[in-house]
Amino acid sequence: MSEKTSEKILSLIQKNKEITIEELAHMTGVSTRSVERNLSKLQRENRITRIGPDKGGSWKVNA
């Protein structure tokens, strides 16, 4: 798992809090599964938090 991909995902979430996994996959050029792994990693590291439900929720980037 590339640190570069995690940073790209973080940057895209900062620009659009309601971005979908599919959109992240398309914009980073990796599979949806890879995006899911990166999101889980970022959540474990407390760098992002999911607000609300899977559908209709948004992301919060932690400082």
PDB file of N, CA and C in Angstrom:
ATOM      1  N   MET A   1       0.845  -1.183   0.000  1.00  0.00           N
ATOM      2  CA  MET A   1       0.000   0.000   0.000  1.00  0.00           C
ATOM      3  C   MET A   1       0.888   1.243   0.000  1.00  0.00           C
ATOM      4  N   SER A   2       0.683   2.058  -0.977  1.00  0.00           N
ATOM      5  CA  SER A   2       1.540   3.222  -1.160  1.00  0.00           C
ATOM      6  C   SER A   2       1.122   4.387  -0.265  1.00  0.00           C
ATOM      7  N   GLU A   3       2.102   4.962   0.396  1.00  0.00           N
ATOM      8  CA  GLU A   3       1.855   6.156   1.212  1.00  0.00           C
ATOM      9  C   GLU A   3       1.322   7.268   0.310  1.00  0.00           C
ATOM     10  N   LYS A   4       1.791   7.271  -0.932  1.00  0.00           N
ATOM     11  CA  LYS A   4       1.369   8.263  -1.902  1.00  0.00           C
ATOM     12  C   LYS A   4      -0.149   8.184  -2.136  1.00  0.00           C
ATOM     13  N   THR A   5      -0.686   6.978  -2.254  1.00  0.00           N
ATOM     14  CA  THR A   5      -2.120   6.799  -2.459  1.00  0.00           C
ATOM     15  C   THR A   5      -2.900   7.329  -1.264  1.00  0.00           C
ATOM     16  N   SER A   6      -2.439   7.041  -0.056  1.00  0.00           N
ATOM     17  CA  SER A   6      -3.101   7.542   1.156  1.00  0.00           C
ATOM     18  C   SER A   6      -3.137   9.063   1.163  1.00  0.00           C
ATOM     19  N   GLU A   7      -2.022   9.675   0.797  1.00  0.00           N
ATOM     20  CA  GLU A   7      -1.954  11.139   0.776  1.00  0.00           C
ATOM     21  C   GLU A   7      -2.888  11.721  -0.286  1.00  0.00           C
ATOM     22  N   LYS A   8      -2.971  11.051  -1.440  1.00  0.00           N
ATOM     23  CA  LYS A   8      -3.884  11.497  -2.505  1.00  0.00           C
ATOM     24  C   LYS A   8      -5.326  11.426  -2.019  1.00  0.00           C
ATOM     25  N   ILE A   9      -5.669  10.315  -1.370  1.00  0.00           N
ATOM     26  CA  ILE A   9      -7.020  10.130  -0.845  1.00  0.00           C
ATOM     27  C   ILE A   9      -7.338  11.216   0.175  1.00  0.00           C
ATOM     28  N   LEU A  10      -6.407  11.479   1.070  1.00  0.00           N
ATOM     29  CA  LEU A  10      -6.584  12.524   2.086  1.00  0.00           C
ATOM     30  C   LEU A  10      -6.835  13.876   1.424  1.00  0.00           C
ATOM     31  N   SER A  11      -6.054  14.189   0.417  1.00  0.00           N
ATOM     32  CA  SER A  11      -6.190  15.455  -0.304  1.00  0.00           C
ATOM     33  C   SER A  11      -7.555  15.557  -0.988  1.00  0.00           C
ATOM     34  N   LEU A  12      -7.997  14.475  -1.626  1.00  0.00           N
ATOM     35  CA  LEU A  12      -9.288  14.478  -2.311  1.00  0.00           C
ATOM     36  C   LEU A  12     -10.444  14.614  -1.320  1.00  0.00           C
ATOM     37  N   ILE A  13     -10.318  13.982  -0.150  1.00  0.00           N
ATOM     38  CA  ILE A  13     -11.354  14.097   0.879  1.00  0.00           C
ATOM     39  C   ILE A  13     -11.432  15.534   1.402  1.00  0.00           C
ATOM     40  N   GLN A  14     -10.277  16.187   1.530  1.00  0.00           N
ATOM     41  CA  GLN A  14     -10.275  17.580   1.992  1.00  0.00           C
ATOM     42  C   GLN A  14     -11.021  18.476   1.011  1.00  0.00           C
ATOM     43  N   LYS A  15     -10.912  18.182  -0.283  1.00  0.00           N
ATOM     44  CA  LYS A  15     -11.589  18.983  -1.307  1.00  0.00           C
ATOM     45  C   LYS A  15     -13.070  18.671  -1.402  1.00  0.00           C
ATOM     46  N   ASN A  16     -13.443  17.413  -1.137  1.00  0.00           N
ATOM     47  CA  ASN A  16     -14.848  16.996  -1.249  1.00  0.00           C
ATOM     48  C   ASN A  16     -15.166  15.995  -0.139  1.00  0.00           C
ATOM     49  N   LYS A  17     -15.774  16.470   0.936  1.00  0.00           N
ATOM     50  CA  LYS A  17     -16.061  15.638   2.113  1.00  0.00           C
ATOM     51  C   LYS A  17     -17.032  14.492   1.818  1.00  0.00           C
ATOM     52  N   GLU A  18     -17.813  14.605   0.737  1.00  0.00           N
ATOM     53  CA  GLU A  18     -18.820  13.589   0.426  1.00  0.00           C
ATOM     54  C   GLU A  18     -18.419  12.699  -0.749  1.00  0.00           C
ATOM     55  N   ILE A  19     -17.129  12.672  -1.065  1.00  0.00           N
ATOM     56  CA  ILE A  19     -16.631  11.861  -2.187  1.00  0.00           C
ATOM     57  C   ILE A  19     -16.880  10.372  -1.926  1.00  0.00           C
ATOM     58  N   THR A  20     -17.194   9.637  -2.986  1.00  0.00           N
ATOM     59  CA  THR A  20     -17.473   8.203  -2.833  1.00  0.00           C
ATOM     60  C   THR A  20     -16.201   7.375  -3.056  1.00  0.00           C
ATOM     61  N   ILE A  21     -16.256   6.136  -2.625  1.00  0.00           N
ATOM     62  CA  ILE A  21     -15.130   5.210  -2.823  1.00  0.00           C
ATOM     63  C   ILE A  21     -14.872   5.035  -4.322  1.00  0.00           C
ATOM     64  N   GLU A  22     -15.951   4.940  -5.115  1.00  0.00           N
ATOM     65  CA  GLU A  22     -15.805   4.790  -6.561  1.00  0.00           C
ATOM     66  C   GLU A  22     -15.079   6.003  -7.162  1.00  0.00           C
ATOM     67  N   GLU A  23     -15.463   7.205  -6.719  1.00  0.00           N
ATOM     68  CA  GLU A  23     -14.810   8.419  -7.223  1.00  0.00           C
ATOM     69  C   GLU A  23     -13.340   8.452  -6.808  1.00  0.00           C
ATOM     70  N   LEU A  24     -13.064   8.062  -5.570  1.00  0.00           N
ATOM     71  CA  LEU A  24     -11.671   8.024  -5.096  1.00  0.00           C
ATOM     72  C   LEU A  24     -10.851   7.039  -5.933  1.00  0.00           C
ATOM     73  N   ALA A  25     -11.433   5.877  -6.216  1.00  0.00           N
ATOM     74  CA  ALA A  25     -10.741   4.856  -7.007  1.00  0.00           C
ATOM     75  C   ALA A  25     -10.425   5.396  -8.400  1.00  0.00           C
ATOM     76  N   HIS A  26     -11.406   6.031  -9.015  1.00  0.00           N
ATOM     77  CA  HIS A  26     -11.214   6.572 -10.368  1.00  0.00           C
ATOM     78  C   HIS A  26     -10.136   7.663 -10.373  1.00  0.00           C
ATOM     79  N   MET A  27     -10.177   8.552  -9.394  1.00  0.00           N
ATOM     80  CA  MET A  27      -9.258   9.691  -9.368  1.00  0.00           C
ATOM     81  C   MET A  27      -7.833   9.303  -8.959  1.00  0.00           C
ATOM     82  N   THR A  28      -7.682   8.218  -8.200  1.00  0.00           N
ATOM     83  CA  THR A  28      -6.340   7.795  -7.790  1.00  0.00           C
ATOM     84  C   THR A  28      -5.779   6.697  -8.694  1.00  0.00           C
ATOM     85  N   GLY A  29      -6.641   6.095  -9.500  1.00  0.00           N
ATOM     86  CA  GLY A  29      -6.187   5.058 -10.426  1.00  0.00           C
ATOM     87  C   GLY A  29      -5.937   3.709  -9.767  1.00  0.00           C
ATOM     88  N   VAL A  30      -6.594   3.467  -8.639  1.00  0.00           N
ATOM     89  CA  VAL A  30      -6.460   2.165  -7.964  1.00  0.00           C
ATOM     90  C   VAL A  30      -7.849   1.526  -7.844  1.00  0.00           C
ATOM     91  N   SER A  31      -7.901   0.280  -7.406  1.00  0.00           N
ATOM     92  CA  SER A  31      -9.183  -0.419  -7.289  1.00  0.00           C
ATOM     93  C   SER A  31      -9.973   0.101  -6.085  1.00  0.00           C
ATOM     94  N   THR A  32     -11.297  -0.158  -6.094  1.00  0.00           N
ATOM     95  CA  THR A  32     -12.132   0.258  -4.964  1.00  0.00           C
ATOM     96  C   THR A  32     -11.670  -0.454  -3.690  1.00  0.00           C
ATOM     97  N   ARG A  33     -11.239  -1.698  -3.828  1.00  0.00           N
ATOM     98  CA  ARG A  33     -10.753  -2.454  -2.663  1.00  0.00           C
ATOM     99  C   ARG A  33      -9.508  -1.786  -2.068  1.00  0.00           C
ATOM    100  N   SER A  34      -8.628  -1.314  -2.919  1.00  0.00           N
ATOM    101  CA  SER A  34      -7.431  -0.619  -2.458  1.00  0.00           C
ATOM    102  C   SER A  34      -7.811   0.671  -1.726  1.00  0.00           C
ATOM    103  N   VAL A  35      -8.801   1.382  -2.257  1.00  0.00           N
ATOM    104  CA  VAL A  35      -9.279   2.599  -1.592  1.00  0.00           C
ATOM    105  C   VAL A  35      -9.846   2.247  -0.213  1.00  0.00           C
ATOM    106  N   GLU A  36     -10.636   1.176  -0.129  1.00  0.00           N
ATOM    107  CA  GLU A  36     -11.210   0.748   1.149  1.00  0.00           C
ATOM    108  C   GLU A  36     -10.119   0.431   2.162  1.00  0.00           C
ATOM    109  N   ARG A  37      -9.068  -0.260   1.716  1.00  0.00           N
ATOM    110  CA  ARG A  37      -7.943  -0.574   2.618  1.00  0.00           C
ATOM    111  C   ARG A  37      -7.271   0.696   3.107  1.00  0.00           C
ATOM    112  N   ASN A  38      -7.055   1.644   2.191  1.00  0.00           N
ATOM    113  CA  ASN A  38      -6.427   2.913   2.561  1.00  0.00           C
ATOM    114  C   ASN A  38      -7.304   3.708   3.534  1.00  0.00           C
ATOM    115  N   LEU A  39      -8.605   3.721   3.296  1.00  0.00           N
ATOM    116  CA  LEU A  39      -9.520   4.437   4.200  1.00  0.00           C
ATOM    117  C   LEU A  39      -9.493   3.809   5.597  1.00  0.00           C
ATOM    118  N   SER A  40      -9.482   2.475   5.652  1.00  0.00           N
ATOM    119  CA  SER A  40      -9.413   1.781   6.941  1.00  0.00           C
ATOM    120  C   SER A  40      -8.125   2.137   7.670  1.00  0.00           C
ATOM    121  N   LYS A  41      -7.037   2.163   6.937  1.00  0.00           N
ATOM    122  CA  LYS A  41      -5.732   2.508   7.515  1.00  0.00           C
ATOM    123  C   LYS A  41      -5.755   3.941   8.061  1.00  0.00           C
ATOM    124  N   LEU A  42      -6.292   4.868   7.273  1.00  0.00           N
ATOM    125  CA  LEU A  42      -6.370   6.267   7.704  1.00  0.00           C
ATOM    126  C   LEU A  42      -7.267   6.411   8.938  1.00  0.00           C
ATOM    127  N   GLN A  43      -8.346   5.624   9.007  1.00  0.00           N
ATOM    128  CA  GLN A  43      -9.223   5.669  10.180  1.00  0.00           C
ATOM    129  C   GLN A  43      -8.503   5.098  11.411  1.00  0.00           C
ATOM    130  N   ARG A  44      -7.779   3.984  11.232  1.00  0.00           N
ATOM    131  CA  ARG A  44      -7.026   3.398  12.352  1.00  0.00           C
ATOM    132  C   ARG A  44      -5.984   4.372  12.882  1.00  0.00           C
ATOM    133  N   GLU A  45      -5.372   5.146  11.967  1.00  0.00           N
ATOM    134  CA  GLU A  45      -4.354   6.126  12.370  1.00  0.00           C
ATOM    135  C   GLU A  45      -4.988   7.425  12.878  1.00  0.00           C
ATOM    136  N   ASN A  46      -6.334   7.442  12.933  1.00  0.00           N
ATOM    137  CA  ASN A  46      -7.101   8.601  13.397  1.00  0.00           C
ATOM    138  C   ASN A  46      -6.845   9.855  12.551  1.00  0.00           C
ATOM    139  N   ARG A  47      -6.613   9.655  11.253  1.00  0.00           N
ATOM    140  CA  ARG A  47      -6.392  10.798  10.351  1.00  0.00           C
ATOM    141  C   ARG A  47      -7.689  11.244   9.691  1.00  0.00           C
ATOM    142  N   ILE A  48      -8.677  10.303   9.605  1.00  0.00           N
ATOM    143  CA  ILE A  48     -10.004  10.656   9.092  1.00  0.00           C
ATOM    144  C   ILE A  48     -11.063  10.011   9.974  1.00  0.00           C
ATOM    145  N   THR A  49     -12.270  10.588   9.946  1.00  0.00           N
ATOM    146  CA  THR A  49     -13.406  10.062  10.692  1.00  0.00           C
ATOM    147  C   THR A  49     -14.615  10.054   9.772  1.00  0.00           C
ATOM    148  N   ARG A  50     -15.406   8.997   9.833  1.00  0.00           N
ATOM    149  CA  ARG A  50     -16.633   8.918   9.041  1.00  0.00           C
ATOM    150  C   ARG A  50     -17.756   9.550   9.848  1.00  0.00           C
ATOM    151  N   ILE A  51     -18.465  10.494   9.232  1.00  0.00           N
ATOM    152  CA  ILE A  51     -19.600  11.161   9.871  1.00  0.00           C
ATOM    153  C   ILE A  51     -20.864  10.671   9.176  1.00  0.00           C
ATOM    154  N   GLY A  52     -21.790  10.098   9.934  1.00  0.00           N
ATOM    155  CA  GLY A  52     -23.050   9.643   9.347  1.00  0.00           C
ATOM    156  C   GLY A  52     -22.947   8.265   8.721  1.00  0.00           C
ATOM    157  N   PRO A  53     -24.019   7.873   8.005  1.00  0.00           N
ATOM    158  CA  PRO A  53     -24.087   6.528   7.422  1.00  0.00           C
ATOM    159  C   PRO A  53     -23.190   6.379   6.197  1.00  0.00           C
ATOM    160  N   ASP A  54     -23.031   5.117   5.753  1.00  0.00           N
ATOM    161  CA  ASP A  54     -22.223   4.836   4.564  1.00  0.00           C
ATOM    162  C   ASP A  54     -22.784   5.566   3.346  1.00  0.00           C
ATOM    163  N   LYS A  55     -24.111   5.556   3.208  1.00  0.00           N
ATOM    164  CA  LYS A  55     -24.734   6.288   2.087  1.00  0.00           C
ATOM    165  C   LYS A  55     -25.239   7.615   2.620  1.00  0.00           C
ATOM    166  N   GLY A  56     -24.713   8.686   2.059  1.00  0.00           N
ATOM    167  CA  GLY A  56     -25.176  10.009   2.477  1.00  0.00           C
ATOM    168  C   GLY A  56     -24.340  10.632   3.575  1.00  0.00           C
ATOM    169  N   GLY A  57     -23.334   9.913   4.060  1.00  0.00           N
ATOM    170  CA  GLY A  57     -22.456  10.456   5.095  1.00  0.00           C
ATOM    171  C   GLY A  57     -21.332  11.265   4.474  1.00  0.00           C
ATOM    172  N   SER A  58     -20.388  11.679   5.306  1.00  0.00           N
ATOM    173  CA  SER A  58     -19.243  12.431   4.795  1.00  0.00           C
ATOM    174  C   SER A  58     -18.007  12.083   5.620  1.00  0.00           C
ATOM    175  N   TRP A  59     -16.870  12.583   5.186  1.00  0.00           N
ATOM    176  CA  TRP A  59     -15.598  12.345   5.855  1.00  0.00           C
ATOM    177  C   TRP A  59     -15.144  13.607   6.565  1.00  0.00           C
ATOM    178  N   LYS A  60     -14.451  13.432   7.665  1.00  0.00           N
ATOM    179  CA  LYS A  60     -13.846  14.565   8.360  1.00  0.00           C
ATOM    180  C   LYS A  60     -12.359  14.260   8.469  1.00  0.00           C
ATOM    181  N   VAL A  61     -11.518  15.197   8.007  1.00  0.00           N
ATOM    182  CA  VAL A  61     -10.067  15.035   8.120  1.00  0.00           C
ATOM    183  C   VAL A  61      -9.656  15.587   9.470  1.00  0.00           C
ATOM    184  N   ASN A  62      -9.002  14.757  10.266  1.00  0.00           N
ATOM    185  CA  ASN A  62      -8.550  15.176  11.604  1.00  0.00           C
ATOM    186  C   ASN A  62      -7.218  15.901  11.495  1.00  0.00           C
ATOM    187  N   ALA A  63      -7.099  16.974  12.253  1.00  0.00           N
ATOM    188  CA  ALA A  63      -5.877  17.787  12.205  1.00  0.00           C
ATOM    189  C   ALA A  63      -4.680  17.050  12.757  1.00  0.00           C
TER     190      ALA A  63
END
